[in-house]
Full PDB file with SEQRES, HELIX, SHEET, SSBOND, CRYST1, ORIGX, SCALE, CONECT and MASTER records, all heavy atoms in Angstrom:
SEQRES   1 A   33  ASP ASP GLY SER LYS ASP ALA THR LEU ASP GLN ILE LYS          
SEQRES   2 A   33  GLN LEU ALA LYS GLU HIS ASP ASN VAL LYS TYR ILE SER          
SEQRES   3 A   33  PHE SER ARG ASN PHE GLY LYS                                  
HELIX    1 AA1 THR A    8  GLU A   18  1                                  11    
CRYST1    1.000    1.000    1.000  90.00  90.00  90.00 P 1           1          
ORIGX1      1.000000  0.000000  0.000000        0.00000                         
ORIGX2      0.000000  1.000000  0.000000        0.00000                         
ORIGX3      0.000000  0.000000  1.000000        0.00000                         
SCALE1      1.000000  0.000000  0.000000        0.00000                         
SCALE2      0.000000  1.000000  0.000000        0.00000                         
SCALE3      0.000000  0.000000  1.000000        0.00000                         
ATOM      1  N   ASP A   1     102.437  97.607  87.544  1.00  0.00           N  
ATOM      2  CA  ASP A   1     101.270  98.353  87.102  1.00  0.00           C  
ATOM      3  C   ASP A   1     101.812  99.481  86.207  1.00  0.00           C  
ATOM      4  O   ASP A   1     102.485 100.401  86.693  1.00  0.00           O  
ATOM      5  CB  ASP A   1     100.486  98.937  88.260  1.00  0.00           C  
ATOM      6  CG  ASP A   1      99.353  99.817  87.780  1.00  0.00           C  
ATOM      7  OD1 ASP A   1      98.624  99.386  86.860  1.00  0.00           O  
ATOM      8  OD2 ASP A   1      99.218 100.940  88.269  1.00  0.00           O  
ATOM      9  N   ASP A   2     101.473  99.393  84.924  1.00  0.00           N  
ATOM     10  CA  ASP A   2     102.020 100.344  83.939  1.00  0.00           C  
ATOM     11  C   ASP A   2     101.094 101.529  83.712  1.00  0.00           C  
ATOM     12  O   ASP A   2     100.649 101.825  82.627  1.00  0.00           O  
ATOM     13  CB  ASP A   2     102.267  99.593  82.649  1.00  0.00           C  
ATOM     14  CG  ASP A   2     103.135 100.359  81.657  1.00  0.00           C  
ATOM     15  OD1 ASP A   2     103.726 101.355  82.063  1.00  0.00           O  
ATOM     16  OD2 ASP A   2     103.192  99.953  80.490  1.00  0.00           O  
ATOM     17  N   GLY A   3     100.759 102.239  84.818  1.00  0.00           N  
ATOM     18  CA  GLY A   3      99.916 103.427  84.729  1.00  0.00           C  
ATOM     19  C   GLY A   3      98.485 103.136  84.400  1.00  0.00           C  
ATOM     20  O   GLY A   3      97.820 103.924  83.754  1.00  0.00           O  
ATOM     21  N   SER A   4      97.969 102.011  84.888  1.00  0.00           N  
ATOM     22  CA  SER A   4      96.552 101.633  84.632  1.00  0.00           C  
ATOM     23  C   SER A   4      95.582 102.661  85.128  1.00  0.00           C  
ATOM     24  O   SER A   4      95.830 103.324  86.124  1.00  0.00           O  
ATOM     25  CB  SER A   4      96.251 100.292  85.314  1.00  0.00           C  
ATOM     26  OG  SER A   4      97.076  99.258  84.780  1.00  0.00           O  
ATOM     27  N   LYS A   5      94.459 102.760  84.433  1.00  0.00           N  
ATOM     28  CA  LYS A   5      93.408 103.698  84.800  1.00  0.00           C  
ATOM     29  C   LYS A   5      92.219 103.010  85.447  1.00  0.00           C  
ATOM     30  O   LYS A   5      91.251 103.646  85.778  1.00  0.00           O  
ATOM     31  CB  LYS A   5      93.003 104.501  83.586  1.00  0.00           C  
ATOM     32  CG  LYS A   5      94.171 105.271  82.983  1.00  0.00           C  
ATOM     33  CD  LYS A   5      93.706 106.342  82.054  1.00  0.00           C  
ATOM     34  CE  LYS A   5      94.855 107.053  81.369  1.00  0.00           C  
ATOM     35  NZ  LYS A   5      95.924 107.519  82.208  1.00  0.00           N  
ATOM     36  N   ASP A   6      92.312 101.703  85.626  1.00  0.00           N  
ATOM     37  CA  ASP A   6      91.225 100.964  86.261  1.00  0.00           C  
ATOM     38  C   ASP A   6      91.697 100.510  87.620  1.00  0.00           C  
ATOM     39  O   ASP A   6      92.556 101.125  88.222  1.00  0.00           O  
ATOM     40  CB  ASP A   6      90.762  99.781  85.364  1.00  0.00           C  
ATOM     41  CG  ASP A   6      91.837  98.719  85.211  1.00  0.00           C  
ATOM     42  OD1 ASP A   6      92.985  98.907  85.673  1.00  0.00           O  
ATOM     43  OD2 ASP A   6      91.520  97.665  84.642  1.00  0.00           O  
ATOM     44  N   ALA A   7      91.137  99.421  88.125  1.00  0.00           N  
ATOM     45  CA  ALA A   7      91.445  98.929  89.472  1.00  0.00           C  
ATOM     46  C   ALA A   7      92.641  97.983  89.541  1.00  0.00           C  
ATOM     47  O   ALA A   7      92.790  97.270  90.521  1.00  0.00           O  
ATOM     48  CB  ALA A   7      90.188  98.257  90.047  1.00  0.00           C  
ATOM     49  N   THR A   8      93.450  97.972  88.509  1.00  0.00           N  
ATOM     50  CA  THR A   8      94.592  97.066  88.487  1.00  0.00           C  
ATOM     51  C   THR A   8      95.481  97.211  89.722  1.00  0.00           C  
ATOM     52  O   THR A   8      95.787  96.218  90.397  1.00  0.00           O  
ATOM     53  CB  THR A   8      95.443  97.275  87.218  1.00  0.00           C  
ATOM     54  OG1 THR A   8      94.617  97.004  86.077  1.00  0.00           O  
ATOM     55  CG2 THR A   8      96.650  96.384  87.172  1.00  0.00           C  
ATOM     56  N   LEU A   9      95.879  98.410  90.055  1.00  0.00           N  
ATOM     57  CA  LEU A   9      96.768  98.617  91.187  1.00  0.00           C  
ATOM     58  C   LEU A   9      96.101  98.202  92.477  1.00  0.00           C  
ATOM     59  O   LEU A   9      96.739  97.564  93.317  1.00  0.00           O  
ATOM     60  CB  LEU A   9      97.243 100.085  91.271  1.00  0.00           C  
ATOM     61  CG  LEU A   9      98.252 100.386  92.370  1.00  0.00           C  
ATOM     62  CD1 LEU A   9      99.499  99.550  92.249  1.00  0.00           C  
ATOM     63  CD2 LEU A   9      98.629 101.858  92.337  1.00  0.00           C  
ATOM     64  N   ASP A  10      94.824  98.502  92.644  1.00  0.00           N  
ATOM     65  CA  ASP A  10      94.111  98.060  93.844  1.00  0.00           C  
ATOM     66  C   ASP A  10      94.121  96.533  93.981  1.00  0.00           C  
ATOM     67  O   ASP A  10      94.305  96.008  95.080  1.00  0.00           O  
ATOM     68  CB  ASP A  10      92.684  98.566  93.837  1.00  0.00           C  
ATOM     69  CG  ASP A  10      92.602 100.090  93.923  1.00  0.00           C  
ATOM     70  OD1 ASP A  10      93.530 100.721  94.473  1.00  0.00           O  
ATOM     71  OD2 ASP A  10      91.585 100.656  93.450  1.00  0.00           O  
ATOM     72  N   GLN A  11      93.884  95.849  92.897  1.00  0.00           N  
ATOM     73  CA  GLN A  11      93.880  94.390  92.904  1.00  0.00           C  
ATOM     74  C   GLN A  11      95.260  93.852  93.245  1.00  0.00           C  
ATOM     75  O   GLN A  11      95.395  92.912  94.011  1.00  0.00           O  
ATOM     76  CB  GLN A  11      93.431  93.847  91.531  1.00  0.00           C  
ATOM     77  CG  GLN A  11      91.991  94.120  91.189  1.00  0.00           C  
ATOM     78  CD  GLN A  11      91.019  93.341  92.043  1.00  0.00           C  
ATOM     79  OE1 GLN A  11      91.368  92.295  92.630  1.00  0.00           O  
ATOM     80  NE2 GLN A  11      89.806  93.847  92.146  1.00  0.00           N  
ATOM     81  N   ILE A  12      96.294  94.433  92.682  1.00  0.00           N  
ATOM     82  CA  ILE A  12      97.660  94.003  92.968  1.00  0.00           C  
ATOM     83  C   ILE A  12      98.014  94.237  94.439  1.00  0.00           C  
ATOM     84  O   ILE A  12      98.585  93.389  95.119  1.00  0.00           O  
ATOM     85  CB  ILE A  12      98.657  94.695  92.060  1.00  0.00           C  
ATOM     86  CG1 ILE A  12      98.436  94.278  90.593  1.00  0.00           C  
ATOM     87  CG2 ILE A  12     100.095  94.430  92.479  1.00  0.00           C  
ATOM     88  CD1 ILE A  12      99.210  95.122  89.590  1.00  0.00           C  
ATOM     89  N   LYS A  13      97.653  95.408  94.960  1.00  0.00           N  
ATOM     90  CA  LYS A  13      97.914  95.712  96.367  1.00  0.00           C  
ATOM     91  C   LYS A  13      97.202  94.724  97.289  1.00  0.00           C  
ATOM     92  O   LYS A  13      97.772  94.295  98.306  1.00  0.00           O  
ATOM     93  CB  LYS A  13      97.472  97.132  96.699  1.00  0.00           C  
ATOM     94  CG  LYS A  13      98.396  98.190  96.183  1.00  0.00           C  
ATOM     95  CD  LYS A  13      97.885  99.598  96.584  1.00  0.00           C  
ATOM     96  CE  LYS A  13      98.839 100.662  96.117  1.00  0.00           C  
ATOM     97  NZ  LYS A  13      98.375 102.022  96.493  1.00  0.00           N  
ATOM     98  N   GLN A  14      95.976  94.341  96.944  1.00  0.00           N  
ATOM     99  CA  GLN A  14      95.238  93.372  97.728  1.00  0.00           C  
ATOM    100  C   GLN A  14      95.942  92.027  97.743  1.00  0.00           C  
ATOM    101  O   GLN A  14      96.086  91.368  98.765  1.00  0.00           O  
ATOM    102  CB  GLN A  14      93.788  93.215  97.216  1.00  0.00           C  
ATOM    103  CG  GLN A  14      92.934  92.333  98.075  1.00  0.00           C  
ATOM    104  CD  GLN A  14      92.753  92.901  99.481  1.00  0.00           C  
ATOM    105  OE1 GLN A  14      92.613  94.084  99.720  1.00  0.00           O  
ATOM    106  NE2 GLN A  14      92.757  91.995 100.447  1.00  0.00           N  
ATOM    107  N   LEU A  15      96.425  91.588  96.561  1.00  0.00           N  
ATOM    108  CA  LEU A  15      97.165  90.325  96.472  1.00  0.00           C  
ATOM    109  C   LEU A  15      98.442  90.398  97.328  1.00  0.00           C  
ATOM    110  O   LEU A  15      98.770  89.451  98.022  1.00  0.00           O  
ATOM    111  CB  LEU A  15      97.524  90.013  95.035  1.00  0.00           C  
ATOM    112  CG  LEU A  15      96.444  89.489  94.137  1.00  0.00           C  
ATOM    113  CD1 LEU A  15      96.946  89.347  92.714  1.00  0.00           C  
ATOM    114  CD2 LEU A  15      95.909  88.153  94.652  1.00  0.00           C  
ATOM    115  N   ALA A  16      99.130  91.540  97.284  1.00  0.00           N  
ATOM    116  CA  ALA A  16     100.369  91.697  98.027  1.00  0.00           C  
ATOM    117  C   ALA A  16     100.091  91.613  99.555  1.00  0.00           C  
ATOM    118  O   ALA A  16     100.939  91.132 100.308  1.00  0.00           O  
ATOM    119  CB  ALA A  16     101.069  93.016  97.677  1.00  0.00           C  
ATOM    120  N   LYS A  17      98.949  92.142  99.973  1.00  0.00           N  
ATOM    121  CA  LYS A  17      98.582  92.078 101.394  1.00  0.00           C  
ATOM    122  C   LYS A  17      98.327  90.621 101.815  1.00  0.00           C  
ATOM    123  O   LYS A  17      98.658  90.231 102.923  1.00  0.00           O  
ATOM    124  CB  LYS A  17      97.295  92.865 101.653  1.00  0.00           C  
ATOM    125  CG  LYS A  17      97.463  94.277 102.030  1.00  0.00           C  
ATOM    126  CD  LYS A  17      96.107  94.831 102.441  1.00  0.00           C  
ATOM    127  CE  LYS A  17      96.078  96.302 102.260  1.00  0.00           C  
ATOM    128  NZ  LYS A  17      94.777  96.898 102.562  1.00  0.00           N  
ATOM    129  N   GLU A  18      97.724  89.855 100.928  1.00  0.00           N  
ATOM    130  CA  GLU A  18      97.266  88.510 101.255  1.00  0.00           C  
ATOM    131  C   GLU A  18      98.332  87.437 101.049  1.00  0.00           C  
ATOM    132  O   GLU A  18      98.230  86.368 101.628  1.00  0.00           O  
ATOM    133  CB  GLU A  18      96.054  88.143 100.399  1.00  0.00           C  
ATOM    134  CG  GLU A  18      94.837  89.005 100.672  1.00  0.00           C  
ATOM    135  CD  GLU A  18      93.707  88.778  99.697  1.00  0.00           C  
ATOM    136  OE1 GLU A  18      93.860  87.958  98.764  1.00  0.00           O  
ATOM    137  OE2 GLU A  18      92.670  89.448  99.842  1.00  0.00           O  
ATOM    138  N   HIS A  19      99.337  87.736 100.204  1.00  0.00           N  
ATOM    139  CA  HIS A  19     100.332  86.706  99.836  1.00  0.00           C  
ATOM    140  C   HIS A  19     101.735  87.254  99.952  1.00  0.00           C  
ATOM    141  O   HIS A  19     102.068  88.278  99.350  1.00  0.00           O  
ATOM    142  CB  HIS A  19     100.089  86.227  98.403  1.00  0.00           C  
ATOM    143  CG  HIS A  19      98.706  85.724  98.169  1.00  0.00           C  
ATOM    144  ND1 HIS A  19      98.295  84.469  98.547  1.00  0.00           N  
ATOM    145  CD2 HIS A  19      97.622  86.311  97.641  1.00  0.00           C  
ATOM    146  CE1 HIS A  19      97.018  84.296  98.259  1.00  0.00           C  
ATOM    147  NE2 HIS A  19      96.573  85.415  97.695  1.00  0.00           N  
ATOM    148  N   ASP A  20     102.586  86.545 100.660  1.00  0.00           N  
ATOM    149  CA  ASP A  20     103.979  86.958 100.834  1.00  0.00           C  
ATOM    150  C   ASP A  20     104.791  86.878  99.554  1.00  0.00           C  
ATOM    151  O   ASP A  20     105.853  87.503  99.486  1.00  0.00           O  
ATOM    152  CB  ASP A  20     104.647  86.113 101.911  1.00  0.00           C  
ATOM    153  CG  ASP A  20     104.099  86.360 103.297  1.00  0.00           C  
ATOM    154  OD1 ASP A  20     103.552  87.481 103.526  1.00  0.00           O  
ATOM    155  OD2 ASP A  20     104.202  85.478 104.169  1.00  0.00           O  
ATOM    156  N   ASN A  21     104.325  86.136  98.606  1.00  0.00           N  
ATOM    157  CA  ASN A  21     105.115  85.938  97.385  1.00  0.00           C  
ATOM    158  C   ASN A  21     104.742  86.944  96.270  1.00  0.00           C  
ATOM    159  O   ASN A  21     105.127  86.785  95.132  1.00  0.00           O  
ATOM    160  CB  ASN A  21     105.000  84.521  96.841  1.00  0.00           C  
ATOM    161  CG  ASN A  21     103.590  84.201  96.346  1.00  0.00           C  
ATOM    162  OD1 ASN A  21     102.590  84.807  96.778  1.00  0.00           O  
ATOM    163  ND2 ASN A  21     103.489  83.226  95.455  1.00  0.00           N  
ATOM    164  N   VAL A  22     104.019  88.006  96.645  1.00  0.00           N  
ATOM    165  CA  VAL A  22     103.622  89.031  95.673  1.00  0.00           C  
ATOM    166  C   VAL A  22     104.272  90.379  96.025  1.00  0.00           C  
ATOM    167  O   VAL A  22     104.149  90.833  97.152  1.00  0.00           O  
ATOM    168  CB  VAL A  22     102.073  89.165  95.606  1.00  0.00           C  
ATOM    169  CG1 VAL A  22     101.705  90.342  94.697  1.00  0.00           C  
ATOM    170  CG2 VAL A  22     101.418  87.890  95.170  1.00  0.00           C  
ATOM    171  N   LYS A  23     104.942  90.939  95.048  1.00  0.00           N  
ATOM    172  CA  LYS A  23     105.500  92.301  95.150  1.00  0.00           C  
ATOM    173  C   LYS A  23     104.935  93.092  93.979  1.00  0.00           C  
ATOM    174  O   LYS A  23     104.445  92.509  93.001  1.00  0.00           O  
ATOM    175  CB  LYS A  23     107.010  92.298  95.047  1.00  0.00           C  
ATOM    176  CG  LYS A  23     107.751  91.499  96.071  1.00  0.00           C  
ATOM    177  CD  LYS A  23     109.221  91.598  95.785  1.00  0.00           C  
ATOM    178  CE  LYS A  23     109.950  90.365  96.323  1.00  0.00           C  
ATOM    179  NZ  LYS A  23     111.333  90.314  95.904  1.00  0.00           N  
ATOM    180  N   TYR A  24     105.071  94.390  94.013  1.00  0.00           N  
ATOM    181  CA  TYR A  24     104.614  95.180  92.894  1.00  0.00           C  
ATOM    182  C   TYR A  24     105.399  96.469  92.744  1.00  0.00           C  
ATOM    183  O   TYR A  24     106.019  96.960  93.689  1.00  0.00           O  
ATOM    184  CB  TYR A  24     103.114  95.484  92.975  1.00  0.00           C  
ATOM    185  CG  TYR A  24     102.732  96.405  94.130  1.00  0.00           C  
ATOM    186  CD1 TYR A  24     102.688  97.785  93.963  1.00  0.00           C  
ATOM    187  CD2 TYR A  24     102.410  95.877  95.379  1.00  0.00           C  
ATOM    188  CE1 TYR A  24     102.343  98.604  94.988  1.00  0.00           C  
ATOM    189  CE2 TYR A  24     102.067  96.700  96.433  1.00  0.00           C  
ATOM    190  CZ  TYR A  24     102.022  98.060  96.249  1.00  0.00           C  
ATOM    191  OH  TYR A  24     101.692  98.874  97.290  1.00  0.00           O  
ATOM    192  N   ILE A  25     105.362  96.962  91.531  1.00  0.00           N  
ATOM    193  CA  ILE A  25     105.911  98.274  91.187  1.00  0.00           C  
ATOM    194  C   ILE A  25     104.804  99.010  90.452  1.00  0.00           C  
ATOM    195  O   ILE A  25     104.112  98.424  89.641  1.00  0.00           O  
ATOM    196  CB  ILE A  25     107.157  98.123  90.253  1.00  0.00           C  
ATOM    197  CG1 ILE A  25     108.281  97.348  90.996  1.00  0.00           C  
ATOM    198  CG2 ILE A  25     107.651  99.471  89.767  1.00  0.00           C  
ATOM    199  CD1 ILE A  25     109.437  96.928  90.076  1.00  0.00           C  
ATOM    200  N   SER A  26     104.651 100.270  90.761  1.00  0.00           N  
ATOM    201  CA  SER A  26     103.631 101.066  90.111  1.00  0.00           C  
ATOM    202  C   SER A  26     104.215 102.258  89.376  1.00  0.00           C  
ATOM    203  O   SER A  26     104.923 103.051  89.979  1.00  0.00           O  
ATOM    204  CB  SER A  26     102.624 101.544  91.159  1.00  0.00           C  
ATOM    205  OG  SER A  26     101.630 102.370  90.578  1.00  0.00           O  
ATOM    206  N   PHE A  27     103.957 102.335  88.080  1.00  0.00           N  
ATOM    207  CA  PHE A  27     104.447 103.457  87.284  1.00  0.00           C  
ATOM    208  C   PHE A  27     103.392 104.579  87.359  1.00  0.00           C  
ATOM    209  O   PHE A  27     102.226 104.344  87.434  1.00  0.00           O  
ATOM    210  CB  PHE A  27     104.609 103.054  85.822  1.00  0.00           C  
ATOM    211  CG  PHE A  27     105.791 102.127  85.537  1.00  0.00           C  
ATOM    212  CD1 PHE A  27     105.882 101.517  84.319  1.00  0.00           C  
ATOM    213  CD2 PHE A  27     106.774 101.892  86.467  1.00  0.00           C  
ATOM    214  CE1 PHE A  27     106.963 100.680  84.020  1.00  0.00           C  
ATOM    215  CE2 PHE A  27     107.848 101.064  86.214  1.00  0.00           C  
ATOM    216  CZ  PHE A  27     107.945 100.456  84.984  1.00  0.00           C  
ATOM    217  N   SER A  28     103.909 105.811  87.268  1.00  0.00           N  
ATOM    218  CA  SER A  28     103.038 106.983  87.308  1.00  0.00           C  
ATOM    219  C   SER A  28     102.228 107.171  86.044  1.00  0.00           C  
ATOM    220  O   SER A  28     101.188 107.831  86.044  1.00  0.00           O  
ATOM    221  CB  SER A  28     103.883 108.224  87.579  1.00  0.00           C  
ATOM    222  OG  SER A  28     104.814 108.427  86.524  1.00  0.00           O  
ATOM    223  N   ARG A  29     102.694 106.605  84.948  1.00  0.00           N  
ATOM    224  CA  ARG A  29     101.996 106.665  83.660  1.00  0.00           C  
ATOM    225  C   ARG A  29     102.383 105.431  82.869  1.00  0.00           C  
ATOM    226  O   ARG A  29     103.241 104.664  83.284  1.00  0.00           O  
ATOM    227  CB  ARG A  29     102.313 107.961  82.905  1.00  0.00           C  
ATOM    228  CG  ARG A  29     103.755 108.075  82.461  1.00  0.00           C  
ATOM    229  CD  ARG A  29     103.955 109.260  81.528  1.00  0.00           C  
ATOM    230  NE  ARG A  29     105.326 109.378  81.060  1.00  0.00           N  
ATOM    231  CZ  ARG A  29     105.814 108.741  80.005  1.00  0.00           C  
ATOM    232  NH1 ARG A  29     105.072 107.922  79.292  1.00  0.00           N  
ATOM    233  NH2 ARG A  29     107.062 108.924  79.632  1.00  0.00           N  
ATOM    234  N   ASN A  30     101.793 105.280  81.703  1.00  0.00           N  
ATOM    235  CA  ASN A  30     102.073 104.143  80.848  1.00  0.00           C  
ATOM    236  C   ASN A  30     103.432 104.306  80.156  1.00  0.00           C  
ATOM    237  O   ASN A  30     103.614 105.273  79.405  1.00  0.00           O  
ATOM    238  CB  ASN A  30     100.931 103.972  79.828  1.00  0.00           C  
ATOM    239  CG  ASN A  30     101.193 102.735  78.960  1.00  0.00           C  
ATOM    240  OD1 ASN A  30     101.726 102.835  77.902  1.00  0.00           O  
ATOM    241  ND2 ASN A  30     100.719 101.617  79.433  1.00  0.00           N  
ATOM    242  N   PHE A  31     104.352 103.378  80.420  1.00  0.00           N  
ATOM    243  CA  PHE A  31     105.670 103.405  79.779  1.00  0.00           C  
ATOM    244  C   PHE A  31     105.831 102.246  78.788  1.00  0.00           C  
ATOM    245  O   PHE A  31     106.835 102.195  78.097  1.00  0.00           O  
ATOM    246  CB  PHE A  31     106.789 103.340  80.832  1.00  0.00           C  
ATOM    247  CG  PHE A  31     106.959 104.614  81.615  1.00  0.00           C  
ATOM    248  CD1 PHE A  31     106.324 104.768  82.824  1.00  0.00           C  
ATOM    249  CD2 PHE A  31     107.725 105.649  81.131  1.00  0.00           C  
ATOM    250  CE1 PHE A  31     106.456 105.934  83.565  1.00  0.00           C  
ATOM    251  CE2 PHE A  31     107.880 106.804  81.864  1.00  0.00           C  
ATOM    252  CZ  PHE A  31     107.275 106.950  83.063  1.00  0.00           C  
ATOM    253  N   GLY A  32     104.938 101.300  78.767  1.00  0.00           N  
ATOM    254  CA  GLY A  32     105.047 100.147  77.871  1.00  0.00           C  
ATOM    255  C   GLY A  32     105.578  98.904  78.565  1.00  0.00           C  
ATOM    256  O   GLY A  32     106.224  98.988  79.614  1.00  0.00           O  
ATOM    257  N   LYS A  33     105.264  97.774  77.970  1.00  0.00           N  
ATOM    258  CA  LYS A  33     105.623  96.510  78.636  1.00  0.00           C  
ATOM    259  C   LYS A  33     107.123  96.281  78.735  1.00  0.00           C  
ATOM    260  O   LYS A  33     107.588  95.636  79.637  1.00  0.00           O  
ATOM    261  CB  LYS A  33     104.953  95.341  77.946  1.00  0.00           C  
ATOM    262  CG  LYS A  33     105.433  95.003  76.545  1.00  0.00           C  
ATOM    263  CD  LYS A  33     104.713  93.787  75.979  1.00  0.00           C  
ATOM    264  CE  LYS A  33     105.157  93.435  74.610  1.00  0.00           C  
ATOM    265  NZ  LYS A  33     104.801  94.317  73.562  1.00  0.00           N  
TER     266      LYS A  33                                                      
MASTER        0    0    0    1    0    0    0    6  265    1    0    3          
END                                                                             
């Protein structure tokens, strides 16, 4: 999550809860792809 301002991080966290094959990293602001 590259500092998203919408529900991106929430959606990713939900996937990580539901699926063992999902990890995530969350940036504090947008750093670019």
